[in-house]
């Protein structure tokens, strides 16, 4: 996955992870494009090696095909944090924000110094929700409530565990929202990142497969869960180390990082039904270590007669079952 030729320099300057709150002298970081590639690679591991077949079958049934399901999962994982490309998020770390400014993206520090509490309301998942709705709208997709595109955008808006409410949407329409979301240059960056993710995951094909298909509530819940799982894993700096310098950006390999992280994490594989050739009697005797044992009938009459036998039986028999 090469990023250098597919994103603008402004898009590549956006940071996503740092440790500035833990140690002001620790300047390790991860750029947004790196974290999104990590998350996309993890999501594919989650799909292939972790999700139970029943969950995948539900998604495939709702989305029409496995190709559509995998394409949508991959795309969502790669754009879930696109809202971090906003002044409201980037202003949080001075030395990383300087790099953003160098690429022509304006961040008004004086404004944010006097609006700290308000800045926290414009969280990156809300900005991501709006940006994805805009992306779909520019492709002629309906984005009104209940539409497929809006449902997909809600997954991005809910990947930190809270829904995009009507009150949150109203924040986006306020006059001061331009300070938090940025101007046209910031909007261009967010659209550039979504375009890049769509190309990397071949989401244009997926979008064609989903055209006109409603997004069921259970599908939204399952997709959100997969994005959350993938994001939590990809955000662990022990599994996915941060950059020590710009040199680490040049040799970045998300697929290899995900492979090593998955091996370290060592999650259990999903349970699979085993095709036993033994008879029920043989399985019962083996499971409970009763040579020659057989299970008792489980009909209502059989259960009732056994209960009567226990109640009226000997003292030793009652004690054995007591």
C-alpha atoms as a PDB file:
ATOM      1  CA  UNK A   1       0.000   0.000   0.000  1.00  0.00           C
ATOM      2  CA  UNK A   2       1.890   3.051  -1.185  1.00  0.00           C
ATOM      3  CA  UNK A   3       0.538   6.402  -0.073  1.00  0.00           C
ATOM      4  CA  UNK A   4       3.118   8.853  -1.374  1.00  0.00           C
ATOM      5  CA  UNK A   5       1.689   9.094  -4.885  1.00  0.00           C
ATOM      6  CA  UNK A   6      -1.998   8.963  -3.975  1.00  0.00           C
ATOM      7  CA  UNK A   7      -2.466  11.698  -1.367  1.00  0.00           C
ATOM      8  CA  UNK A   8      -1.653  15.386  -1.524  1.00  0.00           C
ATOM      9  CA  UNK A   9       1.142  16.664   0.692  1.00  0.00           C
ATOM     10  CA  UNK A  10      -1.436  18.485   2.819  1.00  0.00           C
ATOM     11  CA  UNK A  11      -3.351  15.235   3.387  1.00  0.00           C
ATOM     12  CA  UNK A  12      -0.150  13.408   4.297  1.00  0.00           C
ATOM     13  CA  UNK A  13       0.717  16.036   6.927  1.00  0.00           C
ATOM     14  CA  UNK A  14      -2.288  15.263   9.179  1.00  0.00           C
ATOM     15  CA  UNK A  15      -1.376  13.542  12.449  1.00  0.00           C
ATOM     16  CA  UNK A  16      -3.576  10.992  14.229  1.00  0.00           C
ATOM     17  CA  UNK A  17      -1.642   9.565  17.201  1.00  0.00           C
ATOM     18  CA  UNK A  18       0.824  11.054  19.674  1.00  0.00           C
ATOM     19  CA  UNK A  19       1.930  10.736  23.310  1.00  0.00           C
ATOM     20  CA  UNK A  20       2.195  14.457  24.093  1.00  0.00           C
ATOM     21  CA  UNK A  21      -0.176  14.171  27.051  1.00  0.00           C
ATOM     22  CA  UNK A  22       1.874  11.428  28.682  1.00  0.00           C
ATOM     23  CA  UNK A  23       5.376  12.833  28.257  1.00  0.00           C
ATOM     24  CA  UNK A  24       6.006  16.295  26.730  1.00  0.00           C
ATOM     25  CA  UNK A  25       9.494  15.174  25.720  1.00  0.00           C
ATOM     26  CA  UNK A  26       8.259  12.111  23.841  1.00  0.00           C
ATOM     27  CA  UNK A  27       7.613  13.246  20.276  1.00  0.00           C
ATOM     28  CA  UNK A  28       6.645   9.916  18.758  1.00  0.00           C
ATOM     29  CA  UNK A  29       3.623  10.111  16.487  1.00  0.00           C
ATOM     30  CA  UNK A  30       1.607   8.417  13.775  1.00  0.00           C
ATOM     31  CA  UNK A  31       0.186  10.219  10.770  1.00  0.00           C
ATOM     32  CA  UNK A  32      -3.458   9.816   9.854  1.00  0.00           C
ATOM     33  CA  UNK A  33      -2.795   7.935   6.628  1.00  0.00           C
ATOM     34  CA  UNK A  34      -0.645   5.453   8.555  1.00  0.00           C
ATOM     35  CA  UNK A  35      -3.288   4.792  11.209  1.00  0.00           C
ATOM     36  CA  UNK A  36      -5.987   4.376   8.563  1.00  0.00           C
ATOM     37  CA  UNK A  37      -3.872   1.839   6.672  1.00  0.00           C
ATOM     38  CA  UNK A  38      -3.170  -0.007   9.940  1.00  0.00           C
ATOM     39  CA  UNK A  39      -6.875  -0.110  10.736  1.00  0.00           C
ATOM     40  CA  UNK A  40      -7.780  -1.294   7.259  1.00  0.00           C
ATOM     41  CA  UNK A  41      -5.242  -4.125   7.461  1.00  0.00           C
ATOM     42  CA  UNK A  42      -6.547  -5.132  10.892  1.00  0.00           C
ATOM     43  CA  UNK A  43     -10.158  -5.104   9.691  1.00  0.00           C
ATOM     44  CA  UNK A  44      -9.278  -7.655   7.033  1.00  0.00           C
ATOM     45  CA  UNK A  45      -7.674  -9.829   9.720  1.00  0.00           C
ATOM     46  CA  UNK A  46     -10.777  -9.456  11.885  1.00  0.00           C
ATOM     47  CA  UNK A  47     -12.970 -10.550   8.974  1.00  0.00           C
ATOM     48  CA  UNK A  48     -10.804 -13.501   7.943  1.00  0.00           C
ATOM     49  CA  UNK A  49      -9.610 -14.805  11.305  1.00  0.00           C
ATOM     50  CA  UNK A  50     -11.898 -13.591  14.092  1.00  0.00           C
ATOM     51  CA  UNK A  51     -15.529 -13.056  13.123  1.00  0.00           C
ATOM     52  CA  UNK A  52     -17.793 -16.090  13.516  1.00  0.00           C
ATOM     53  CA  UNK A  53     -19.332 -17.390  10.312  1.00  0.00           C
ATOM     54  CA  UNK A  54     -22.798 -16.494  11.620  1.00  0.00           C
ATOM     55  CA  UNK A  55     -21.861 -12.791  11.819  1.00  0.00           C
ATOM     56  CA  UNK A  56     -20.355 -12.797   8.350  1.00  0.00           C
ATOM     57  CA  UNK A  57     -23.386 -14.592   6.963  1.00  0.00           C
ATOM     58  CA  UNK A  58     -25.695 -11.925   8.438  1.00  0.00           C
ATOM     59  CA  UNK A  59     -23.687  -9.154   6.786  1.00  0.00           C
ATOM     60  CA  UNK A  60     -23.441 -10.967   3.468  1.00  0.00           C
ATOM     61  CA  UNK A  61     -27.205 -11.572   3.480  1.00  0.00           C
ATOM     62  CA  UNK A  62     -27.947  -7.923   4.260  1.00  0.00           C
ATOM     63  CA  UNK A  63     -25.405  -6.448   1.830  1.00  0.00           C
ATOM     64  CA  UNK A  64     -25.981  -8.854  -1.027  1.00  0.00           C
ATOM     65  CA  UNK A  65     -22.603 -10.556  -1.416  1.00  0.00           C
ATOM     66  CA  UNK A  66     -19.342 -11.277   0.364  1.00  0.00           C
ATOM     67  CA  UNK A  67     -17.559  -8.875  -1.963  1.00  0.00           C
ATOM     68  CA  UNK A  68     -19.887  -6.046  -0.922  1.00  0.00           C
ATOM     69  CA  UNK A  69     -19.533  -6.902   2.776  1.00  0.00           C
ATOM     70  CA  UNK A  70     -15.719  -7.077   2.723  1.00  0.00           C
ATOM     71  CA  UNK A  71     -15.522  -3.943   0.588  1.00  0.00           C
ATOM     72  CA  UNK A  72     -17.687  -1.943   2.969  1.00  0.00           C
ATOM     73  CA  UNK A  73     -15.849  -3.196   6.069  1.00  0.00           C
ATOM     74  CA  UNK A  74     -12.465  -2.319   4.537  1.00  0.00           C
ATOM     75  CA  UNK A  75     -13.635   1.119   3.393  1.00  0.00           C
ATOM     76  CA  UNK A  76     -15.129   2.042   6.770  1.00  0.00           C
ATOM     77  CA  UNK A  77     -11.975   0.953   8.594  1.00  0.00           C
ATOM     78  CA  UNK A  78      -9.881   3.147   6.305  1.00  0.00           C
ATOM     79  CA  UNK A  79     -11.974   6.305   6.683  1.00  0.00           C
ATOM     80  CA  UNK A  80     -13.280   6.044  10.266  1.00  0.00           C
ATOM     81  CA  UNK A  81     -10.917   8.780  11.541  1.00  0.00           C
ATOM     82  CA  UNK A  82     -11.100  11.124   8.540  1.00  0.00           C
ATOM     83  CA  UNK A  83     -12.612  13.776  10.843  1.00  0.00           C
ATOM     84  CA  UNK A  84      -9.226  14.144  12.534  1.00  0.00           C
ATOM     85  CA  UNK A  85      -8.318  16.207   9.482  1.00  0.00           C
ATOM     86  CA  UNK A  86      -9.833  19.294  11.110  1.00  0.00           C
ATOM     87  CA  UNK A  87      -8.481  22.256  13.124  1.00  0.00           C
ATOM     88  CA  UNK A  88     -10.505  21.114  16.146  1.00  0.00           C
ATOM     89  CA  UNK A  89      -8.425  17.940  16.377  1.00  0.00           C
ATOM     90  CA  UNK A  90      -5.051  18.995  14.987  1.00  0.00           C
ATOM     91  CA  UNK A  91      -4.704  21.979  17.352  1.00  0.00           C
ATOM     92  CA  UNK A  92      -4.230  19.606  20.285  1.00  0.00           C
ATOM     93  CA  UNK A  93      -0.508  19.091  19.639  1.00  0.00           C
ATOM     94  CA  UNK A  94       1.599  22.168  18.853  1.00  0.00           C
ATOM     95  CA  UNK A  95       4.668  20.578  17.275  1.00  0.00           C
ATOM     96  CA  UNK A  96       2.611  18.259  15.071  1.00  0.00           C
ATOM     97  CA  UNK A  97       0.226  21.073  14.172  1.00  0.00           C
ATOM     98  CA  UNK A  98       3.195  23.115  12.920  1.00  0.00           C
ATOM     99  CA  UNK A  99       3.729  20.531  10.193  1.00  0.00           C
ATOM    100  CA  UNK A 100       0.082  20.876   9.185  1.00  0.00           C
ATOM    101  CA  UNK A 101       0.401  24.675   8.933  1.00  0.00           C
ATOM    102  CA  UNK A 102       3.465  24.309   6.736  1.00  0.00           C
ATOM    103  CA  UNK A 103       1.205  22.734   4.115  1.00  0.00           C
ATOM    104  CA  UNK A 104      -1.212  25.643   3.986  1.00  0.00           C
ATOM    105  CA  UNK A 105      -3.853  24.417   6.433  1.00  0.00           C
ATOM    106  CA  UNK A 106      -4.894  27.259   8.751  1.00  0.00           C
ATOM    107  CA  UNK A 107      -5.362  26.679  12.477  1.00  0.00           C
ATOM    108  CA  UNK A 108      -6.392  29.698  14.547  1.00  0.00           C
ATOM    109  CA  UNK A 109      -4.749  29.086  17.940  1.00  0.00           C
ATOM    110  CA  UNK A 110      -6.120  32.296  19.439  1.00  0.00           C
ATOM    111  CA  UNK A 111      -9.666  31.203  18.683  1.00  0.00           C
ATOM    112  CA  UNK A 112      -9.152  27.780  20.236  1.00  0.00           C
ATOM    113  CA  UNK A 113      -7.487  29.230  23.336  1.00  0.00           C
ATOM    114  CA  UNK A 114     -10.739  30.985  24.219  1.00  0.00           C
ATOM    115  CA  UNK A 115     -13.062  28.165  23.093  1.00  0.00           C
ATOM    116  CA  UNK A 116     -11.607  25.061  24.714  1.00  0.00           C
ATOM    117  CA  UNK A 117     -14.889  23.599  25.899  1.00  0.00           C
ATOM    118  CA  UNK A 118     -16.684  24.257  22.626  1.00  0.00           C
ATOM    119  CA  UNK A 119     -13.843  22.655  20.648  1.00  0.00           C
ATOM    120  CA  UNK A 120     -14.498  19.346  22.398  1.00  0.00           C
ATOM    121  CA  UNK A 121     -18.038  19.299  20.977  1.00  0.00           C
ATOM    122  CA  UNK A 122     -16.714  19.092  17.412  1.00  0.00           C
ATOM    123  CA  UNK A 123     -15.312  15.617  17.827  1.00  0.00           C
ATOM    124  CA  UNK A 124     -13.601  13.928  14.915  1.00  0.00           C
ATOM    125  CA  UNK A 125     -16.313  11.289  14.510  1.00  0.00           C
ATOM    126  CA  UNK A 126     -18.934  14.035  13.992  1.00  0.00           C
ATOM    127  CA  UNK A 127     -16.721  15.774  11.425  1.00  0.00           C
ATOM    128  CA  UNK A 128     -16.154  12.399   9.762  1.00  0.00           C
ATOM    129  CA  UNK A 129     -19.884  11.778   9.568  1.00  0.00           C
ATOM    130  CA  UNK A 130     -20.445  15.080   7.778  1.00  0.00           C
ATOM    131  CA  UNK A 131     -17.498  14.583   5.416  1.00  0.00           C
ATOM    132  CA  UNK A 132     -18.683  11.140   4.356  1.00  0.00           C
ATOM    133  CA  UNK A 133     -22.214  12.433   3.728  1.00  0.00           C
ATOM    134  CA  UNK A 134     -20.683  15.127   1.511  1.00  0.00           C
ATOM    135  CA  UNK A 135     -18.617  12.530  -0.332  1.00  0.00           C
ATOM    136  CA  UNK A 136     -21.688  10.420  -1.060  1.00  0.00           C
ATOM    137  CA  UNK A 137     -23.722  13.473  -2.076  1.00  0.00           C
ATOM    138  CA  UNK A 138     -21.070  14.484  -4.618  1.00  0.00           C
ATOM    139  CA  UNK A 139     -21.536  11.059  -6.209  1.00  0.00           C
ATOM    140  CA  UNK A 140     -25.252  11.547  -6.602  1.00  0.00           C
ATOM    141  CA  UNK A 141     -26.249   9.361  -3.647  1.00  0.00           C
ATOM    142  CA  UNK A 142     -29.200  10.210  -1.443  1.00  0.00           C
ATOM    143  CA  UNK A 143     -27.982  11.119   2.064  1.00  0.00           C
ATOM    144  CA  UNK A 144     -31.267  11.840   3.810  1.00  0.00           C
ATOM    145  CA  UNK A 145     -32.319   9.980   6.949  1.00  0.00           C
ATOM    146  CA  UNK A 146     -32.848   6.289   6.249  1.00  0.00           C
ATOM    147  CA  UNK A 147     -30.711   6.215   3.112  1.00  0.00           C
ATOM    148  CA  UNK A 148     -27.936   3.702   2.578  1.00  0.00           C
ATOM    149  CA  UNK A 149     -25.276   6.443   2.429  1.00  0.00           C
ATOM    150  CA  UNK A 150     -26.485   8.075   5.621  1.00  0.00           C
ATOM    151  CA  UNK A 151     -26.483   4.710   7.362  1.00  0.00           C
ATOM    152  CA  UNK A 152     -22.862   4.113   6.365  1.00  0.00           C
ATOM    153  CA  UNK A 153     -21.921   7.601   7.569  1.00  0.00           C
ATOM    154  CA  UNK A 154     -23.571   6.861  10.919  1.00  0.00           C
ATOM    155  CA  UNK A 155     -21.058   4.045  11.420  1.00  0.00           C
ATOM    156  CA  UNK A 156     -18.223   6.578  11.176  1.00  0.00           C
ATOM    157  CA  UNK A 157     -20.133   8.929  13.476  1.00  0.00           C
ATOM    158  CA  UNK A 158     -20.674   6.212  16.062  1.00  0.00           C
ATOM    159  CA  UNK A 159     -17.293   4.495  16.232  1.00  0.00           C
ATOM    160  CA  UNK A 160     -16.573   5.947  19.685  1.00  0.00           C
ATOM    161  CA  UNK A 161     -19.765   4.589  21.165  1.00  0.00           C
ATOM    162  CA  UNK A 162     -22.171   7.529  20.854  1.00  0.00           C
ATOM    163  CA  UNK A 163     -24.706   8.257  18.128  1.00  0.00           C
ATOM    164  CA  UNK A 164     -24.896  11.284  15.867  1.00  0.00           C
ATOM    165  CA  UNK A 165     -27.909  13.073  17.313  1.00  0.00           C
ATOM    166  CA  UNK A 166     -29.997  15.964  15.992  1.00  0.00           C
ATOM    167  CA  UNK A 167     -28.282  18.273  18.498  1.00  0.00           C
ATOM    168  CA  UNK A 168     -24.850  17.264  17.199  1.00  0.00           C
ATOM    169  CA  UNK A 169     -25.942  17.875  13.621  1.00  0.00           C
ATOM    170  CA  UNK A 170     -27.085  21.372  14.597  1.00  0.00           C
ATOM    171  CA  UNK A 171     -23.537  22.135  15.748  1.00  0.00           C
ATOM    172  CA  UNK A 172     -22.356  21.676  12.176  1.00  0.00           C
ATOM    173  CA  UNK A 173     -24.706  24.422  11.005  1.00  0.00           C
ATOM    174  CA  UNK A 174     -23.530  27.085  13.439  1.00  0.00           C
ATOM    175  CA  UNK A 175     -21.561  30.070  12.166  1.00  0.00           C
ATOM    176  CA  UNK A 176     -18.544  29.246  14.355  1.00  0.00           C
ATOM    177  CA  UNK A 177     -18.367  25.702  12.972  1.00  0.00           C
ATOM    178  CA  UNK A 178     -16.016  26.978  10.244  1.00  0.00           C
ATOM    179  CA  UNK A 179     -13.316  27.501  12.896  1.00  0.00           C
ATOM    180  CA  UNK A 180     -13.550  23.889  14.041  1.00  0.00           C
ATOM    181  CA  UNK A 181     -13.954  22.231  10.640  1.00  0.00           C
ATOM    182  CA  UNK A 182     -11.720  24.616   8.705  1.00  0.00           C
ATOM    183  CA  UNK A 183     -12.303  26.149   5.304  1.00  0.00           C
ATOM    184  CA  UNK A 184     -12.185  24.773   1.795  1.00  0.00           C
ATOM    185  CA  UNK A 185      -8.591  23.576   2.123  1.00  0.00           C
ATOM    186  CA  UNK A 186      -9.545  21.341   5.045  1.00  0.00           C
ATOM    187  CA  UNK A 187     -12.604  20.051   3.234  1.00  0.00           C
ATOM    188  CA  UNK A 188     -10.402  19.217   0.236  1.00  0.00           C
ATOM    189  CA  UNK A 189      -8.092  17.203   2.490  1.00  0.00           C
ATOM    190  CA  UNK A 190     -10.942  15.163   3.966  1.00  0.00           C
ATOM    191  CA  UNK A 191     -12.382  14.433   0.526  1.00  0.00           C
ATOM    192  CA  UNK A 192      -8.899  13.528  -0.724  1.00  0.00           C
ATOM    193  CA  UNK A 193      -8.492  10.993   2.091  1.00  0.00           C
ATOM    194  CA  UNK A 194     -11.902   9.428   1.412  1.00  0.00           C
ATOM    195  CA  UNK A 195     -11.113   9.233  -2.321  1.00  0.00           C
ATOM    196  CA  UNK A 196      -7.817   7.532  -1.518  1.00  0.00           C
ATOM    197  CA  UNK A 197      -9.495   5.007   0.786  1.00  0.00           C
ATOM    198  CA  UNK A 198     -12.163   4.309  -1.829  1.00  0.00           C
ATOM    199  CA  UNK A 199      -9.468   3.594  -4.406  1.00  0.00           C
ATOM    200  CA  UNK A 200      -7.443   1.398  -2.050  1.00  0.00           C
ATOM    201  CA  UNK A 201     -10.497  -0.711  -1.193  1.00  0.00           C
ATOM    202  CA  UNK A 202     -12.180  -0.560  -4.631  1.00  0.00           C
ATOM    203  CA  UNK A 203     -15.201   0.949  -2.909  1.00  0.00           C
ATOM    204  CA  UNK A 204     -16.586   2.329  -6.162  1.00  0.00           C
ATOM    205  CA  UNK A 205     -17.416  -1.270  -7.092  1.00  0.00           C
ATOM    206  CA  UNK A 206     -18.881  -1.888  -3.644  1.00  0.00           C
ATOM    207  CA  UNK A 207     -20.974   1.258  -3.930  1.00  0.00           C
ATOM    208  CA  UNK A 208     -22.402  -0.028  -7.205  1.00  0.00           C
ATOM    209  CA  UNK A 209     -23.271  -3.350  -5.527  1.00  0.00           C
ATOM    210  CA  UNK A 210     -25.027  -1.525  -2.676  1.00  0.00           C
ATOM    211  CA  UNK A 211     -26.939   0.888  -4.897  1.00  0.00           C
ATOM    212  CA  UNK A 212     -30.569   1.077  -3.787  1.00  0.00           C
ATOM    213  CA  UNK A 213     -30.109  -1.449  -0.969  1.00  0.00           C
ATOM    214  CA  UNK A 214     -31.208  -0.217   2.482  1.00  0.00           C
ATOM    215  CA  UNK A 215     -28.798  -0.581   5.379  1.00  0.00           C
ATOM    216  CA  UNK A 216     -30.513  -2.576   8.107  1.00  0.00           C
ATOM    217  CA  UNK A 217     -30.118  -1.609  11.751  1.00  0.00           C
ATOM    218  CA  UNK A 218     -28.416  -4.879  12.631  1.00  0.00           C
ATOM    219  CA  UNK A 219     -25.952  -4.298   9.783  1.00  0.00           C
ATOM    220  CA  UNK A 220     -25.064  -0.857  11.137  1.00  0.00           C
ATOM    221  CA  UNK A 221     -24.502  -2.337  14.596  1.00  0.00           C
ATOM    222  CA  UNK A 222     -22.285  -5.138  13.292  1.00  0.00           C
ATOM    223  CA  UNK A 223     -20.288  -2.801  11.039  1.00  0.00           C
ATOM    224  CA  UNK A 224     -19.780  -0.352  13.905  1.00  0.00           C
ATOM    225  CA  UNK A 225     -18.592  -3.178  16.141  1.00  0.00           C
ATOM    226  CA  UNK A 226     -16.060  -4.345  13.542  1.00  0.00           C
ATOM    227  CA  UNK A 227     -14.717  -0.802  13.105  1.00  0.00           C
ATOM    228  CA  UNK A 228     -14.441  -0.357  16.881  1.00  0.00           C
ATOM    229  CA  UNK A 229     -12.590  -3.655  17.313  1.00  0.00           C
ATOM    230  CA  UNK A 230     -10.227  -2.845  14.445  1.00  0.00           C
ATOM    231  CA  UNK A 231      -9.618   0.682  15.712  1.00  0.00           C
ATOM    232  CA  UNK A 232      -8.867  -0.441  19.266  1.00  0.00           C
ATOM    233  CA  UNK A 233      -6.346  -2.999  18.034  1.00  0.00           C
ATOM    234  CA  UNK A 234      -4.713  -0.578  15.568  1.00  0.00           C
ATOM    235  CA  UNK A 235      -4.519   2.117  18.268  1.00  0.00           C
ATOM    236  CA  UNK A 236      -2.402  -0.013  20.613  1.00  0.00           C
ATOM    237  CA  UNK A 237       1.103   1.434  20.332  1.00  0.00           C
ATOM    238  CA  UNK A 238       2.624  -1.825  21.618  1.00  0.00           C
ATOM    239  CA  UNK A 239       1.098  -3.674  18.687  1.00  0.00           C
ATOM    240  CA  UNK A 240       1.476  -0.773  16.233  1.00  0.00           C
ATOM    241  CA  UNK A 241       4.524   1.310  17.217  1.00  0.00           C
ATOM    242  CA  UNK A 242       4.515   5.051  16.626  1.00  0.00           C
ATOM    243  CA  UNK A 243       7.072   6.804  14.414  1.00  0.00           C
ATOM    244  CA  UNK A 244      10.292   7.853  16.094  1.00  0.00           C
ATOM    245  CA  UNK A 245      11.154  10.083  13.127  1.00  0.00           C
ATOM    246  CA  UNK A 246      10.152  10.771   9.538  1.00  0.00           C
ATOM    247  CA  UNK A 247      12.370   7.864   8.494  1.00  0.00           C
ATOM    248  CA  UNK A 248       9.706   5.486   9.818  1.00  0.00           C
ATOM    249  CA  UNK A 249       7.187   6.986   7.397  1.00  0.00           C
ATOM    250  CA  UNK A 250       9.319   5.947   4.423  1.00  0.00           C
ATOM    251  CA  UNK A 251       9.485   2.254   5.353  1.00  0.00           C
ATOM    252  CA  UNK A 252       5.908   1.945   6.576  1.00  0.00           C
ATOM    253  CA  UNK A 253       4.204  -1.376   5.738  1.00  0.00           C
ATOM    254  CA  UNK A 254       0.691  -1.696   7.181  1.00  0.00           C
ATOM    255  CA  UNK A 255       0.169  -5.284   6.036  1.00  0.00           C
ATOM    256  CA  UNK A 256       3.357  -6.465   7.746  1.00  0.00           C
ATOM    257  CA  UNK A 257       2.557  -4.446  10.879  1.00  0.00           C
ATOM    258  CA  UNK A 258      -0.877  -6.079  11.029  1.00  0.00           C
ATOM    259  CA  UNK A 259       0.621  -9.533  10.543  1.00  0.00           C
ATOM    260  CA  UNK A 260       3.036  -9.080  13.435  1.00  0.00           C
ATOM    261  CA  UNK A 261       0.391  -7.446  15.632  1.00  0.00           C
ATOM    262  CA  UNK A 262      -2.068 -10.259  15.015  1.00  0.00           C
ATOM    263  CA  UNK A 263       0.560 -12.818  15.982  1.00  0.00           C
ATOM    264  CA  UNK A 264       1.318 -10.901  19.180  1.00  0.00           C
ATOM    265  CA  UNK A 265      -2.328 -10.447  20.050  1.00  0.00           C
ATOM    266  CA  UNK A 266      -3.056 -14.141  19.566  1.00  0.00           C
ATOM    267  CA  UNK A 267      -6.843 -13.862  19.602  1.00  0.00           C
ATOM    268  CA  UNK A 268      -8.754 -17.151  19.668  1.00  0.00           C
ATOM    269  CA  UNK A 269     -10.152 -18.242  16.346  1.00  0.00           C
ATOM    270  CA  UNK A 270     -13.940 -18.335  16.024  1.00  0.00           C
ATOM    271  CA  UNK A 271     -15.645 -21.523  17.111  1.00  0.00           C
ATOM    272  CA  UNK A 272     -16.250 -23.955  14.289  1.00  0.00           C
ATOM    273  CA  UNK A 273     -18.702 -26.822  14.229  1.00  0.00           C
ATOM    274  CA  UNK A 274     -16.851 -30.128  14.071  1.00  0.00           C
ATOM    275  CA  UNK A 275     -18.336 -32.896  11.971  1.00  0.00           C
ATOM    276  CA  UNK A 276     -18.405 -35.805  14.414  1.00  0.00           C
ATOM    277  CA  UNK A 277     -18.878 -39.292  13.069  1.00  0.00           C
ATOM    278  CA  UNK A 278     -19.649 -40.839  16.469  1.00  0.00           C
ATOM    279  CA  UNK A 279     -23.168 -41.728  17.587  1.00  0.00           C
ATOM    280  CA  UNK A 280     -24.940 -39.680  20.283  1.00  0.00           C
ATOM    281  CA  UNK A 281     -24.489 -42.567  22.742  1.00  0.00           C
ATOM    282  CA  UNK A 282     -20.735 -42.765  22.089  1.00  0.00           C
ATOM    283  CA  UNK A 283     -20.339 -38.980  22.411  1.00  0.00           C
ATOM    284  CA  UNK A 284     -22.273 -39.004  25.700  1.00  0.00           C
ATOM    285  CA  UNK A 285     -20.139 -41.795  27.155  1.00  0.00           C
ATOM    286  CA  UNK A 286     -16.918 -40.062  26.087  1.00  0.00           C
ATOM    287  CA  UNK A 287     -17.896 -36.566  27.247  1.00  0.00           C
ATOM    288  CA  UNK A 288     -18.983 -37.646  30.731  1.00  0.00           C
ATOM    289  CA  UNK A 289     -16.506 -40.513  31.087  1.00  0.00           C
ATOM    290  CA  UNK A 290     -19.227 -43.139  31.616  1.00  0.00           C
ATOM    291  CA  UNK A 291     -18.200 -46.317  29.801  1.00  0.00           C
ATOM    292  CA  UNK A 292     -21.248 -47.747  28.090  1.00  0.00           C
ATOM    293  CA  UNK A 293     -23.441 -44.862  29.317  1.00  0.00           C
ATOM    294  CA  UNK A 294     -26.387 -43.608  27.276  1.00  0.00           C
ATOM    295  CA  UNK A 295     -28.402 -40.379  27.606  1.00  0.00           C
ATOM    296  CA  UNK A 296     -31.906 -40.659  29.076  1.00  0.00           C
ATOM    297  CA  UNK A 297     -34.969 -39.724  26.998  1.00  0.00           C
ATOM    298  CA  UNK A 298     -35.742 -35.990  27.263  1.00  0.00           C
ATOM    299  CA  UNK A 299     -39.484 -36.040  26.539  1.00  0.00           C
ATOM    300  CA  UNK A 300     -41.817 -34.280  28.938  1.00  0.00           C
ATOM    301  CA  UNK A 301     -43.149 -37.596  30.183  1.00  0.00           C
ATOM    302  CA  UNK A 302     -39.675 -39.012  30.621  1.00  0.00           C
ATOM    303  CA  UNK A 303     -38.492 -35.949  32.577  1.00  0.00           C
ATOM    304  CA  UNK A 304     -41.571 -36.075  34.781  1.00  0.00           C
ATOM    305  CA  UNK A 305     -41.164 -39.772  35.566  1.00  0.00           C
ATOM    306  CA  UNK A 306     -37.479 -39.245  36.409  1.00  0.00           C
ATOM    307  CA  UNK A 307     -38.410 -36.369  38.708  1.00  0.00           C
ATOM    308  CA  UNK A 308     -40.962 -38.563  40.477  1.00  0.00           C
ATOM    309  CA  UNK A 309     -38.328 -41.263  40.854  1.00  0.00           C
ATOM    310  CA  UNK A 310     -35.881 -38.827  42.448  1.00  0.00           C
ATOM    311  CA  UNK A 311     -38.508 -37.521  44.890  1.00  0.00           C
ATOM    312  CA  UNK A 312     -39.735 -40.995  45.960  1.00  0.00           C
ATOM    313  CA  UNK A 313     -36.398 -42.762  45.705  1.00  0.00           C
ATOM    314  CA  UNK A 314     -33.990 -43.833  48.426  1.00  0.00           C
ATOM    315  CA  UNK A 315     -32.112 -41.397  50.659  1.00  0.00           C
ATOM    316  CA  UNK A 316     -28.835 -42.170  48.872  1.00  0.00           C
ATOM    317  CA  UNK A 317     -30.422 -41.412  45.486  1.00  0.00           C
ATOM    318  CA  UNK A 318     -31.745 -38.057  46.702  1.00  0.00           C
ATOM    319  CA  UNK A 319     -28.362 -37.197  48.109  1.00  0.00           C
ATOM    320  CA  UNK A 320     -26.646 -37.990  44.824  1.00  0.00           C
ATOM    321  CA  UNK A 321     -28.816 -35.481  42.968  1.00  0.00           C
ATOM    322  CA  UNK A 322     -29.165 -32.914  45.751  1.00  0.00           C
END
